[in-house]
N, C-alpha and C. Protein backbone atom coordinates (compact mmCIF):
# COMPACT_ATOMS: atom_id res chain seq x y z
N MET A 1 0.92 -1.16 -0.23
CA MET A 1 -0.34 -0.10 0.30
C MET A 1 0.87 1.01 0.10
N PRO A 2 0.50 1.89 -1.01
CA PRO A 2 1.01 3.41 -0.95
C PRO A 2 1.00 4.28 0.43
N ASN A 3 2.55 5.34 0.90
CA ASN A 3 2.21 5.86 1.83
C ASN A 3 1.88 7.28 1.46
N TYR A 4 0.87 7.88 2.12
CA TYR A 4 0.43 9.13 1.91
C TYR A 4 0.56 10.12 2.85
N THR A 5 1.31 11.44 2.93
CA THR A 5 1.71 12.33 3.75
C THR A 5 0.34 13.48 4.38
N TYR A 6 0.15 13.68 4.73
CA TYR A 6 -1.20 14.53 5.70
C TYR A 6 -0.49 15.51 6.26
N ALA A 7 -1.40 16.78 6.17
CA ALA A 7 -1.10 17.82 6.34
C ALA A 7 -2.25 18.67 7.51
N CYS A 8 -1.51 19.10 8.71
CA CYS A 8 -3.02 20.02 9.58
C CYS A 8 -3.01 21.27 9.15
N ALA A 9 -3.79 21.98 8.38
CA ALA A 9 -3.77 23.15 7.69
C ALA A 9 -3.59 24.35 9.06
N GLN A 10 -4.02 23.76 10.46
CA GLN A 10 -3.99 24.81 11.58
C GLN A 10 -3.00 24.95 12.17
N CYS A 11 -2.07 23.84 12.14
CA CYS A 11 -0.79 23.71 13.20
C CYS A 11 0.61 23.09 12.27
N GLY A 12 0.17 22.48 11.08
CA GLY A 12 1.39 22.43 10.27
C GLY A 12 1.84 20.71 10.64
N HIS A 13 1.28 20.23 11.72
CA HIS A 13 1.69 19.15 12.07
C HIS A 13 1.51 18.14 10.82
N GLU A 14 2.90 17.43 10.35
CA GLU A 14 3.30 16.75 9.26
C GLU A 14 3.02 14.77 10.06
N ILE A 15 1.91 13.98 8.87
CA ILE A 15 1.89 12.52 9.48
C ILE A 15 1.81 11.65 8.22
N ASP A 16 2.77 10.49 8.49
CA ASP A 16 2.44 9.46 7.13
C ASP A 16 1.25 8.72 7.20
N ILE A 17 -0.05 8.62 6.35
CA ILE A 17 -0.45 7.19 6.35
C ILE A 17 -0.53 6.33 5.48
N SER A 18 -0.42 5.19 5.94
CA SER A 18 -0.54 4.16 4.55
C SER A 18 -1.72 4.03 4.10
N HIS A 19 -2.45 3.87 3.01
CA HIS A 19 -3.79 3.27 2.64
C HIS A 19 -3.85 3.08 1.31
N GLY A 20 -4.68 2.25 0.40
CA GLY A 20 -5.03 2.22 -0.37
C GLY A 20 -5.26 3.43 -1.78
N MET A 21 -4.78 3.64 -3.19
CA MET A 21 -5.09 4.68 -3.86
C MET A 21 -6.37 5.22 -4.00
N ASN A 22 -7.83 4.61 -3.55
CA ASN A 22 -8.63 5.04 -4.15
C ASN A 22 -9.65 5.47 -2.77
N GLU A 23 -9.04 4.63 -1.84
CA GLU A 23 -9.43 5.37 -0.75
C GLU A 23 -9.22 6.93 -0.51
N GLU A 24 -10.41 7.73 0.61
CA GLU A 24 -9.92 9.38 0.93
C GLU A 24 -10.31 8.96 2.13
N PRO A 25 -9.41 8.47 3.50
CA PRO A 25 -9.63 8.61 4.36
C PRO A 25 -10.10 10.58 5.32
N GLU A 26 -10.87 10.32 6.12
CA GLU A 26 -10.75 11.52 7.33
C GLU A 26 -9.46 11.26 8.00
N ILE A 27 -8.52 11.88 8.11
CA ILE A 27 -7.19 12.04 9.30
C ILE A 27 -7.96 13.45 10.19
N TRP A 28 -7.51 13.38 11.22
CA TRP A 28 -7.57 13.94 12.10
C TRP A 28 -6.52 14.63 12.71
N CYS A 29 -5.88 15.70 13.04
CA CYS A 29 -4.57 16.20 13.50
C CYS A 29 -5.01 15.77 15.06
N PRO A 30 -3.93 14.86 15.31
CA PRO A 30 -4.03 14.81 16.30
C PRO A 30 -3.53 15.65 17.56
N LEU A 31 -2.70 16.25 17.28
CA LEU A 31 -1.87 17.12 18.61
C LEU A 31 -2.94 18.45 18.51
N CYS A 32 -3.64 18.90 17.38
CA CYS A 32 -4.50 20.43 17.50
C CYS A 32 -6.09 19.43 18.59
N ALA A 33 -6.04 17.97 18.43
CA ALA A 33 -7.37 17.30 18.89
C ALA A 33 -6.30 17.35 20.37
N GLN A 34 -6.10 17.28 20.89
CA GLN A 34 -5.14 17.85 22.48
C GLN A 34 -5.38 18.75 22.97
N THR A 35 -4.79 19.75 21.97
CA THR A 35 -4.21 20.80 22.99
C THR A 35 -5.27 21.60 21.98
N ASN A 36 -6.03 22.42 21.41
CA ASN A 36 -7.04 22.82 21.70
C ASN A 36 -8.65 22.21 21.55
N ASN A 37 -9.66 22.87 21.81
CA ASN A 37 -11.09 21.66 22.11
C ASN A 37 -11.58 20.87 21.65
N PRO A 38 -11.15 19.98 22.57
CA PRO A 38 -11.64 18.76 22.32
C PRO A 38 -12.85 18.31 21.14
N LEU A 39 -13.84 19.16 21.00
CA LEU A 39 -15.04 19.08 20.02
C LEU A 39 -14.49 19.39 19.08
N GLN A 40 -13.86 20.52 18.90
CA GLN A 40 -13.36 21.18 17.29
C GLN A 40 -12.17 20.12 16.68
N TYR A 41 -12.64 19.51 15.59
CA TYR A 41 -11.17 18.27 15.37
C TYR A 41 -10.93 19.33 14.01
N TYR A 42 -9.52 18.79 13.77
CA TYR A 42 -8.85 19.48 12.52
C TYR A 42 -8.65 18.48 11.48
N VAL A 43 -9.62 18.69 10.39
CA VAL A 43 -8.97 17.71 9.24
C VAL A 43 -7.83 17.98 8.49
N MET A 44 -6.93 16.87 8.07
CA MET A 44 -4.97 17.17 7.95
C MET A 44 -5.94 16.50 6.87
N GLU A 45 -5.01 17.54 5.65
CA GLU A 45 -5.27 17.77 4.06
C GLU A 45 -4.48 16.81 3.40
N LYS A 46 -3.94 16.17 2.90
CA LYS A 46 -3.23 15.21 1.59
C LYS A 46 -2.47 16.05 1.08
N LYS A 47 -0.98 15.96 0.84
CA LYS A 47 -0.03 16.89 0.41
C LYS A 47 0.48 16.73 -0.80
N PRO A 48 0.66 16.55 -2.04
CA PRO A 48 1.01 16.39 -2.97
C PRO A 48 2.41 15.43 -2.88
N SER A 49 2.80 14.19 -3.47
CA SER A 49 3.74 14.37 -4.12
C SER A 49 3.82 13.76 -5.37
N ALA A 50 5.31 13.25 -5.34
CA ALA A 50 5.51 12.44 -6.67
C ALA A 50 5.80 10.80 -6.55
N PRO A 51 5.44 10.23 -6.97
CA PRO A 51 5.06 8.51 -7.02
C PRO A 51 6.70 8.09 -6.75
N ALA A 52 6.50 6.46 -6.20
CA ALA A 52 8.15 6.77 -6.49
C ALA A 52 7.90 5.68 -7.25
N VAL A 53 9.66 5.62 -7.60
CA VAL A 53 10.17 4.36 -9.20
C VAL A 53 11.34 3.45 -8.66
N ARG A 54 10.88 2.43 -8.76
CA ARG A 54 12.08 1.97 -8.72
C ARG A 54 12.26 0.67 -9.41
N VAL A 55 13.77 1.10 -10.54
CA VAL A 55 13.82 0.69 -11.41
C VAL A 55 14.93 -0.65 -11.05
N LYS A 56 14.06 -1.78 -11.60
CA LYS A 56 15.12 -3.21 -11.28
C LYS A 56 15.86 -3.52 -12.64
N ASP A 57 16.89 -4.34 -12.33
CA ASP A 57 17.96 -4.74 -13.15
C ASP A 57 16.92 -5.83 -13.66
N LYS A 58 16.80 -5.79 -15.31
CA LYS A 58 16.56 -7.76 -15.59
C LYS A 58 16.69 -8.83 -15.48
N ALA A 59 18.14 -8.95 -15.61
CA ALA A 59 18.75 -9.87 -15.37
C ALA A 59 18.75 -10.46 -13.83
N THR A 60 18.81 -9.06 -12.84
CA THR A 60 18.97 -9.95 -11.50
C THR A 60 18.08 -9.44 -10.72
N GLY A 61 17.31 -8.28 -11.16
CA GLY A 61 16.09 -8.68 -10.23
C GLY A 61 16.52 -7.49 -9.46
N ASP A 62 17.74 -7.02 -9.12
CA ASP A 62 18.09 -5.89 -8.27
C ASP A 62 17.77 -4.51 -8.59
N PRO A 63 17.86 -3.52 -7.60
CA PRO A 63 17.48 -2.25 -7.65
C PRO A 63 18.46 -1.85 -8.15
N VAL A 64 18.16 -0.65 -9.25
CA VAL A 64 19.09 0.32 -9.72
C VAL A 64 19.06 1.62 -9.13
N ILE A 65 20.80 1.55 -9.18
CA ILE A 65 20.93 2.88 -8.97
C ILE A 65 21.19 3.60 -9.41
N ASP A 66 20.75 4.73 -9.52
CA ASP A 66 21.75 5.99 -10.18
C ASP A 66 23.06 6.66 -10.43
N LYS A 67 23.73 6.69 -10.56
CA LYS A 67 25.03 7.17 -10.49
C LYS A 67 25.44 8.26 -9.02
N GLU A 68 24.45 9.18 -8.98
CA GLU A 68 24.18 10.27 -7.95
C GLU A 68 24.33 9.67 -6.74
N ASP A 69 22.78 9.19 -6.64
CA ASP A 69 22.55 7.84 -5.68
C ASP A 69 24.07 7.22 -4.77
N SER A 70 24.85 6.41 -5.72
CA SER A 70 25.68 5.43 -5.24
C SER A 70 27.24 6.66 -4.70
N ALA A 71 27.31 8.19 -5.90
CA ALA A 71 28.18 8.61 -5.01
C ALA A 71 27.75 8.98 -3.90
N ILE A 72 27.09 9.48 -3.28
CA ILE A 72 26.23 10.20 -2.45
C ILE A 72 26.88 8.82 -1.47
N THR A 73 25.90 7.47 -1.30
CA THR A 73 26.55 6.30 -0.61
C THR A 73 27.89 5.59 -0.51
N ARG A 74 28.58 6.50 -1.01
CA ARG A 74 30.10 5.98 -1.11
C ARG A 74 30.59 6.49 -0.12
N LYS A 75 30.43 7.93 0.21
CA LYS A 75 31.00 9.18 0.64
C LYS A 75 30.38 9.14 1.85
N LEU A 76 29.50 8.59 2.43
CA LEU A 76 29.05 8.29 3.88
C LEU A 76 29.86 6.88 4.01
N ASP A 77 29.36 5.92 3.76
CA ASP A 77 30.22 4.89 3.86
C ASP A 77 31.65 5.24 3.82
N GLU A 78 32.52 5.73 3.40
CA GLU A 78 33.88 6.72 4.33
C GLU A 78 34.00 6.78 5.27
N GLU A 79 32.71 8.01 5.47
CA GLU A 79 32.78 8.82 6.85
C GLU A 79 32.36 7.93 7.92
N LEU A 80 31.86 6.56 7.79
CA LEU A 80 31.65 6.06 8.52
C LEU A 80 32.71 4.69 8.92
N HIS A 81 33.09 5.00 8.40
CA HIS A 81 34.56 3.97 8.43
C HIS A 81 35.32 5.18 9.02
N ALA A 82 35.72 6.22 8.40
CA ALA A 82 36.82 7.04 9.17
C ALA A 82 36.52 7.16 10.34
N ASN A 83 35.02 7.06 11.02
CA ASN A 83 34.45 7.75 12.37
C ASN A 83 34.67 6.52 13.44
N LYS A 84 34.50 5.04 12.75
CA LYS A 84 35.18 4.27 13.30
C LYS A 84 36.79 3.87 13.60
N LEU A 85 37.55 3.92 12.41
CA LEU A 85 38.89 4.48 12.53
C LEU A 85 39.54 5.27 14.00
N ARG A 86 38.55 6.33 13.92
CA ARG A 86 39.03 7.60 14.86
C ARG A 86 38.35 6.82 16.51
N LYS A 87 37.29 5.47 16.34
CA LYS A 87 37.02 5.53 17.68
C LYS A 87 37.82 4.24 18.35
N ASN A 88 38.32 3.84 17.43
CA ASN A 88 39.38 2.53 17.82
C ASN A 88 40.74 2.92 18.36
N ARG A 89 40.82 4.45 18.08
CA ARG A 89 42.50 5.37 17.94
C ARG A 89 42.35 5.35 19.33
N ARG A 90 41.10 5.96 20.15
CA ARG A 90 40.93 6.16 21.58
C ARG A 90 41.58 5.42 22.37
């Protein structure tokens, strides 16, 4: 099931909800219900979002990662490795 982000027009609180594509549930802001008059509820609105697209390699079925993502991942891995080495030296 896809995840959708809902935002409260009153306080700006955001929450992710998973539901079917054809469903239109009424989502009430939990923060406004706690802090304001409990008899006055605030309906949250679905935020527009881009669909998540996953491309898989036809031969292996593994996800294909573009070059920019792999460069970022490689840099993060290098930083984690450097942090581990620093901790071991102490």
